[in-house]
Amino acid sequence: MKIVALVGSNRKESYNKKLALYMQKRYQGKLDIEILPIEELPMYNQDDELEPPAIVKDIKAKVLESDGVLIVTPEYNHSIPAVLKNAIDWFSRVDRVLVHKPVMIAGGSGGVLGTVRAQMHLRQIMNSPGVSALTLPGNEVFIGAIQSKIDETGELVDEATIQFIDSVVENYINWIEQTKGY
């Protein structure tokens, strides 16, 4: 299955980028995960949506051609970072590449709640009329104290977290199969 990943952080040492890279490696036998460079997208401007820059066209085409989307995001001020919101804004206009696309959401933060509020807001965005994505229900991956669960090499080392993500990924694969042709 071809999955595109959107990392909601453009920080060089982002734990969420490390988590996405870890998932890309761990599930390579089941999922072909490509992390898209959404940090390279220009700020969304409605004046440009009918003739967007090449990078926008390229990334939107990859989303459209994928079997699903993995979003791995931190939480900033109880919401998602601007880099992720900007990508979603581009994806929700004109050809609307997220419509009926199966989406899995994961994220980690240094706090105890993980990314619970950001994910709640992101789920609302995924349900908006311009997006209309098929977000995997009931499988929230909120990783609290992520700095203690990913080592210096970028490996997830907390066994309970690994097992939980394994089960959510299996549920996501099943969700993709269930929603094909929707």
C-alpha atoms as a PDB file:
ATOM      1  CA  MET A   1       0.000   0.000   0.000  1.00  0.00           C
ATOM      2  CA  LYS A   2       1.266   3.424  -0.963  1.00  0.00           C
ATOM      3  CA  ILE A   3       1.000   5.874   1.937  1.00  0.00           C
ATOM      4  CA  VAL A   4       2.069   9.496   1.956  1.00  0.00           C
ATOM      5  CA  ALA A   5       3.079  11.023   5.276  1.00  0.00           C
ATOM      6  CA  LEU A   6       2.645  14.634   6.305  1.00  0.00           C
ATOM      7  CA  VAL A   7       4.824  15.727   9.212  1.00  0.00           C
ATOM      8  CA  GLY A   8       3.377  18.741  10.978  1.00  0.00           C
ATOM      9  CA  SER A   9       6.746  20.128  12.018  1.00  0.00           C
ATOM     10  CA  ASN A  10       9.564  21.742  10.101  1.00  0.00           C
ATOM     11  CA  ARG A  11      11.973  21.587  13.059  1.00  0.00           C
ATOM     12  CA  LYS A  12      15.252  19.843  12.186  1.00  0.00           C
ATOM     13  CA  GLU A  13      15.232  17.543  15.224  1.00  0.00           C
ATOM     14  CA  SER A  14      11.464  17.091  15.356  1.00  0.00           C
ATOM     15  CA  TYR A  15      10.347  14.102  17.399  1.00  0.00           C
ATOM     16  CA  ASN A  16       7.373  13.786  15.085  1.00  0.00           C
ATOM     17  CA  LYS A  17       9.645  13.604  12.052  1.00  0.00           C
ATOM     18  CA  LYS A  18      11.636  10.923  13.888  1.00  0.00           C
ATOM     19  CA  LEU A  19       8.388   9.078  14.599  1.00  0.00           C
ATOM     20  CA  ALA A  20       7.387   9.241  10.921  1.00  0.00           C
ATOM     21  CA  LEU A  21      10.828   7.965   9.872  1.00  0.00           C
ATOM     22  CA  TYR A  22      10.589   5.176  12.448  1.00  0.00           C
ATOM     23  CA  MET A  23       7.169   4.165  11.114  1.00  0.00           C
ATOM     24  CA  GLN A  24       8.447   4.305   7.540  1.00  0.00           C
ATOM     25  CA  LYS A  25      11.190   1.838   8.447  1.00  0.00           C
ATOM     26  CA  ARG A  26       9.206  -0.412  10.796  1.00  0.00           C
ATOM     27  CA  TYR A  27       6.260  -0.977   8.475  1.00  0.00           C
ATOM     28  CA  GLN A  28       8.140  -1.110   5.164  1.00  0.00           C
ATOM     29  CA  GLY A  29       6.968  -4.678   4.504  1.00  0.00           C
ATOM     30  CA  LYS A  30       3.324  -3.623   4.834  1.00  0.00           C
ATOM     31  CA  LEU A  31       3.282   0.035   3.853  1.00  0.00           C
ATOM     32  CA  ASP A  32       5.353   2.016   1.383  1.00  0.00           C
ATOM     33  CA  ILE A  33       5.486   5.332   3.261  1.00  0.00           C
ATOM     34  CA  GLU A  34       6.793   8.432   1.493  1.00  0.00           C
ATOM     35  CA  ILE A  35       7.279  11.513   3.661  1.00  0.00           C
ATOM     36  CA  LEU A  36       6.220  14.532   1.633  1.00  0.00           C
ATOM     37  CA  PRO A  37       8.163  17.820   1.927  1.00  0.00           C
ATOM     38  CA  ILE A  38       5.197  19.986   2.936  1.00  0.00           C
ATOM     39  CA  GLU A  39       7.565  22.490   4.536  1.00  0.00           C
ATOM     40  CA  GLU A  40       8.535  23.483   0.971  1.00  0.00           C
ATOM     41  CA  LEU A  41       5.001  24.523   0.032  1.00  0.00           C
ATOM     42  CA  PRO A  42       4.455  28.268  -0.342  1.00  0.00           C
ATOM     43  CA  MET A  43       1.818  29.834   1.862  1.00  0.00           C
ATOM     44  CA  TYR A  44      -1.618  29.126   0.449  1.00  0.00           C
ATOM     45  CA  ASN A  45      -3.000  32.008  -1.590  1.00  0.00           C
ATOM     46  CA  GLN A  46      -6.382  31.735  -3.268  1.00  0.00           C
ATOM     47  CA  ASP A  47      -5.073  33.927  -6.094  1.00  0.00           C
ATOM     48  CA  ASP A  48      -2.691  31.089  -7.030  1.00  0.00           C
ATOM     49  CA  GLU A  49      -4.966  28.066  -6.637  1.00  0.00           C
ATOM     50  CA  LEU A  50      -5.942  27.706 -10.303  1.00  0.00           C
ATOM     51  CA  GLU A  51      -2.312  27.788 -11.427  1.00  0.00           C
ATOM     52  CA  PRO A  52      -0.319  26.703  -8.374  1.00  0.00           C
ATOM     53  CA  PRO A  53       3.472  26.403  -8.255  1.00  0.00           C
ATOM     54  CA  ALA A  54       5.007  23.122  -9.468  1.00  0.00           C
ATOM     55  CA  ILE A  55       5.774  21.921  -5.918  1.00  0.00           C
ATOM     56  CA  VAL A  56       2.076  22.197  -5.044  1.00  0.00           C
ATOM     57  CA  LYS A  57       1.063  20.237  -8.146  1.00  0.00           C
ATOM     58  CA  ASP A  58       3.673  17.544  -7.452  1.00  0.00           C
ATOM     59  CA  ILE A  59       2.723  17.035  -3.806  1.00  0.00           C
ATOM     60  CA  LYS A  60      -1.015  17.088  -4.545  1.00  0.00           C
ATOM     61  CA  ALA A  61      -0.492  14.449  -7.250  1.00  0.00           C
ATOM     62  CA  LYS A  62       1.299  12.185  -4.757  1.00  0.00           C
ATOM     63  CA  VAL A  63      -1.543  12.558  -2.260  1.00  0.00           C
ATOM     64  CA  LEU A  64      -4.121  11.812  -4.948  1.00  0.00           C
ATOM     65  CA  GLU A  65      -2.246   8.695  -6.145  1.00  0.00           C
ATOM     66  CA  SER A  66      -1.759   7.304  -2.631  1.00  0.00           C
ATOM     67  CA  ASP A  67      -3.862   4.670  -0.903  1.00  0.00           C
ATOM     68  CA  GLY A  68      -3.870   6.718   2.292  1.00  0.00           C
ATOM     69  CA  VAL A  69      -2.351   9.533   4.306  1.00  0.00           C
ATOM     70  CA  LEU A  70      -0.445   9.325   7.586  1.00  0.00           C
ATOM     71  CA  ILE A  71      -0.322  12.595   9.511  1.00  0.00           C
ATOM     72  CA  VAL A  72       2.258  12.834  12.301  1.00  0.00           C
ATOM     73  CA  THR A  73       2.046  16.134  14.118  1.00  0.00           C
ATOM     74  CA  PRO A  74       3.071  17.964  17.260  1.00  0.00           C
ATOM     75  CA  GLU A  75       0.700  20.248  19.122  1.00  0.00           C
ATOM     76  CA  TYR A  76       1.188  24.010  19.107  1.00  0.00           C
ATOM     77  CA  ASN A  77      -1.173  26.087  21.265  1.00  0.00           C
ATOM     78  CA  HIS A  78      -3.829  23.337  21.375  1.00  0.00           C
ATOM     79  CA  SER A  79      -3.821  22.984  17.589  1.00  0.00           C
ATOM     80  CA  ILE A  80      -1.788  21.904  14.588  1.00  0.00           C
ATOM     81  CA  PRO A  81       1.275  23.800  13.344  1.00  0.00           C
ATOM     82  CA  ALA A  82       0.970  26.247  10.448  1.00  0.00           C
ATOM     83  CA  VAL A  83       3.055  24.081   8.097  1.00  0.00           C
ATOM     84  CA  LEU A  84       0.462  21.300   8.302  1.00  0.00           C
ATOM     85  CA  LYS A  85      -2.548  23.625   8.089  1.00  0.00           C
ATOM     86  CA  ASN A  86      -1.009  25.267   5.025  1.00  0.00           C
ATOM     87  CA  ALA A  87      -0.656  21.891   3.277  1.00  0.00           C
ATOM     88  CA  ILE A  88      -4.246  20.968   4.117  1.00  0.00           C
ATOM     89  CA  ASP A  89      -5.426  24.317   2.755  1.00  0.00           C
ATOM     90  CA  TRP A  90      -3.693  23.598  -0.578  1.00  0.00           C
ATOM     91  CA  PHE A  91      -5.103  20.048  -0.616  1.00  0.00           C
ATOM     92  CA  SER A  92      -8.672  21.206   0.071  1.00  0.00           C
ATOM     93  CA  ARG A  93      -8.976  23.533  -2.900  1.00  0.00           C
ATOM     94  CA  VAL A  94      -9.818  22.999  -6.580  1.00  0.00           C
ATOM     95  CA  ASP A  95      -9.175  19.252  -7.061  1.00  0.00           C
ATOM     96  CA  ARG A  96      -9.555  18.445  -3.316  1.00  0.00           C
ATOM     97  CA  VAL A  97      -7.131  15.507  -3.086  1.00  0.00           C
ATOM     98  CA  LEU A  98      -8.097  14.414   0.438  1.00  0.00           C
ATOM     99  CA  VAL A  99     -11.760  13.671  -0.318  1.00  0.00           C
ATOM    100  CA  HIS A 100     -12.511  10.079   0.788  1.00  0.00           C
ATOM    101  CA  LYS A 101      -8.811   9.469   1.451  1.00  0.00           C
ATOM    102  CA  PRO A 102      -8.170   7.169   4.458  1.00  0.00           C
ATOM    103  CA  VAL A 103      -6.201   9.110   7.080  1.00  0.00           C
ATOM    104  CA  MET A 104      -4.330   7.939  10.174  1.00  0.00           C
ATOM    105  CA  ILE A 105      -3.231  10.516  12.746  1.00  0.00           C
ATOM    106  CA  ALA A 106      -0.358  10.167  15.209  1.00  0.00           C
ATOM    107  CA  GLY A 107       1.725  12.576  17.206  1.00  0.00           C
ATOM    108  CA  GLY A 108       3.887  13.136  20.194  1.00  0.00           C
ATOM    109  CA  SER A 109       4.843  15.948  22.517  1.00  0.00           C
ATOM    110  CA  GLY A 110       6.839  16.511  25.670  1.00  0.00           C
ATOM    111  CA  GLY A 111       3.723  16.906  27.795  1.00  0.00           C
ATOM    112  CA  VAL A 112       1.638  14.187  29.391  1.00  0.00           C
ATOM    113  CA  LEU A 113      -1.338  14.609  27.036  1.00  0.00           C
ATOM    114  CA  GLY A 114       0.643  13.993  23.886  1.00  0.00           C
ATOM    115  CA  THR A 115      -1.131  15.725  21.039  1.00  0.00           C
ATOM    116  CA  VAL A 116      -4.718  15.127  22.122  1.00  0.00           C
ATOM    117  CA  ARG A 117      -5.978  18.677  21.499  1.00  0.00           C
ATOM    118  CA  ALA A 118      -4.172  19.066  18.176  1.00  0.00           C
ATOM    119  CA  GLN A 119      -5.589  15.761  17.000  1.00  0.00           C
ATOM    120  CA  MET A 120      -9.093  16.708  18.100  1.00  0.00           C
ATOM    121  CA  HIS A 121      -8.815  19.908  16.057  1.00  0.00           C
ATOM    122  CA  LEU A 122      -7.226  18.044  13.130  1.00  0.00           C
ATOM    123  CA  ARG A 123     -10.114  15.573  13.084  1.00  0.00           C
ATOM    124  CA  GLN A 124     -12.522  18.522  12.807  1.00  0.00           C
ATOM    125  CA  ILE A 125     -10.497  19.884   9.899  1.00  0.00           C
ATOM    126  CA  MET A 126     -10.466  16.460   8.208  1.00  0.00           C
ATOM    127  CA  ASN A 127     -14.288  16.452   8.371  1.00  0.00           C
ATOM    128  CA  SER A 128     -14.704  19.913   6.837  1.00  0.00           C
ATOM    129  CA  PRO A 129     -16.522  20.079   3.479  1.00  0.00           C
ATOM    130  CA  GLY A 130     -13.403  20.941   1.457  1.00  0.00           C
ATOM    131  CA  VAL A 131     -11.428  18.062   2.943  1.00  0.00           C
ATOM    132  CA  SER A 132     -13.914  15.223   3.630  1.00  0.00           C
ATOM    133  CA  ALA A 133     -11.199  12.699   4.495  1.00  0.00           C
ATOM    134  CA  LEU A 134     -11.997   9.303   6.002  1.00  0.00           C
ATOM    135  CA  THR A 135     -10.169   9.569   9.320  1.00  0.00           C
ATOM    136  CA  LEU A 136      -9.491   6.265  11.077  1.00  0.00           C
ATOM    137  CA  PRO A 137     -11.987   6.282  13.968  1.00  0.00           C
ATOM    138  CA  GLY A 138     -11.158   5.376  17.553  1.00  0.00           C
ATOM    139  CA  ASN A 139      -7.423   4.816  17.095  1.00  0.00           C
ATOM    140  CA  GLU A 140      -5.706   7.857  18.541  1.00  0.00           C
ATOM    141  CA  VAL A 141      -1.915   7.741  18.865  1.00  0.00           C
ATOM    142  CA  PHE A 142      -1.094  10.420  21.470  1.00  0.00           C
ATOM    143  CA  ILE A 143       2.482   9.925  22.637  1.00  0.00           C
ATOM    144  CA  GLY A 144       3.194  11.879  25.808  1.00  0.00           C
ATOM    145  CA  ALA A 145       6.752  12.461  27.059  1.00  0.00           C
ATOM    146  CA  ILE A 146       7.993  11.523  23.598  1.00  0.00           C
ATOM    147  CA  GLN A 147      11.523  12.669  24.431  1.00  0.00           C
ATOM    148  CA  SER A 148      11.839   9.654  26.747  1.00  0.00           C
ATOM    149  CA  LYS A 149      10.445   7.200  24.181  1.00  0.00           C
ATOM    150  CA  ILE A 150      12.676   7.972  21.190  1.00  0.00           C
ATOM    151  CA  ASP A 151      16.412   7.493  21.553  1.00  0.00           C
ATOM    152  CA  GLU A 152      19.227   9.597  20.075  1.00  0.00           C
ATOM    153  CA  THR A 153      19.250   7.471  16.897  1.00  0.00           C
ATOM    154  CA  GLY A 154      15.556   8.126  16.248  1.00  0.00           C
ATOM    155  CA  GLU A 155      14.378   4.685  17.343  1.00  0.00           C
ATOM    156  CA  LEU A 156      11.191   4.321  19.323  1.00  0.00           C
ATOM    157  CA  VAL A 157      12.266   2.378  22.419  1.00  0.00           C
ATOM    158  CA  ASP A 158       9.148   2.215  24.585  1.00  0.00           C
ATOM    159  CA  GLU A 159       7.770  -1.299  24.052  1.00  0.00           C
ATOM    160  CA  ALA A 160       4.191  -0.483  25.102  1.00  0.00           C
ATOM    161  CA  THR A 161       4.098   2.407  22.623  1.00  0.00           C
ATOM    162  CA  ILE A 162       5.544   0.226  19.861  1.00  0.00           C
ATOM    163  CA  GLN A 163       2.940  -2.476  20.448  1.00  0.00           C
ATOM    164  CA  PHE A 164       0.131   0.069  20.513  1.00  0.00           C
ATOM    165  CA  ILE A 165       1.257   1.675  17.241  1.00  0.00           C
ATOM    166  CA  ASP A 166       1.586  -1.798  15.694  1.00  0.00           C
ATOM    167  CA  SER A 167      -2.073  -2.468  16.510  1.00  0.00           C
ATOM    168  CA  VAL A 168      -3.204   0.919  15.182  1.00  0.00           C
ATOM    169  CA  VAL A 169      -1.282   0.388  11.935  1.00  0.00           C
ATOM    170  CA  GLU A 170      -3.025  -2.987  11.497  1.00  0.00           C
ATOM    171  CA  ASN A 171      -6.361  -1.246  12.086  1.00  0.00           C
ATOM    172  CA  TYR A 172      -5.372   1.412   9.545  1.00  0.00           C
ATOM    173  CA  ILE A 173      -4.501  -1.191   6.910  1.00  0.00           C
ATOM    174  CA  ASN A 174      -7.919  -2.778   7.487  1.00  0.00           C
ATOM    175  CA  TRP A 175      -9.547   0.684   7.319  1.00  0.00           C
ATOM    176  CA  ILE A 176      -7.934   1.324   3.926  1.00  0.00           C
ATOM    177  CA  GLU A 177      -9.269  -2.010   2.659  1.00  0.00           C
ATOM    178  CA  GLN A 178     -12.754  -1.266   4.018  1.00  0.00           C
ATOM    179  CA  THR A 179     -12.912   2.179   2.426  1.00  0.00           C
ATOM    180  CA  LYS A 180     -11.617   1.255  -1.045  1.00  0.00           C
ATOM    181  CA  GLY A 181     -14.020   2.436  -3.678  1.00  0.00           C
ATOM    182  CA  TYR A 182     -15.870   4.694  -1.257  1.00  0.00           C
END
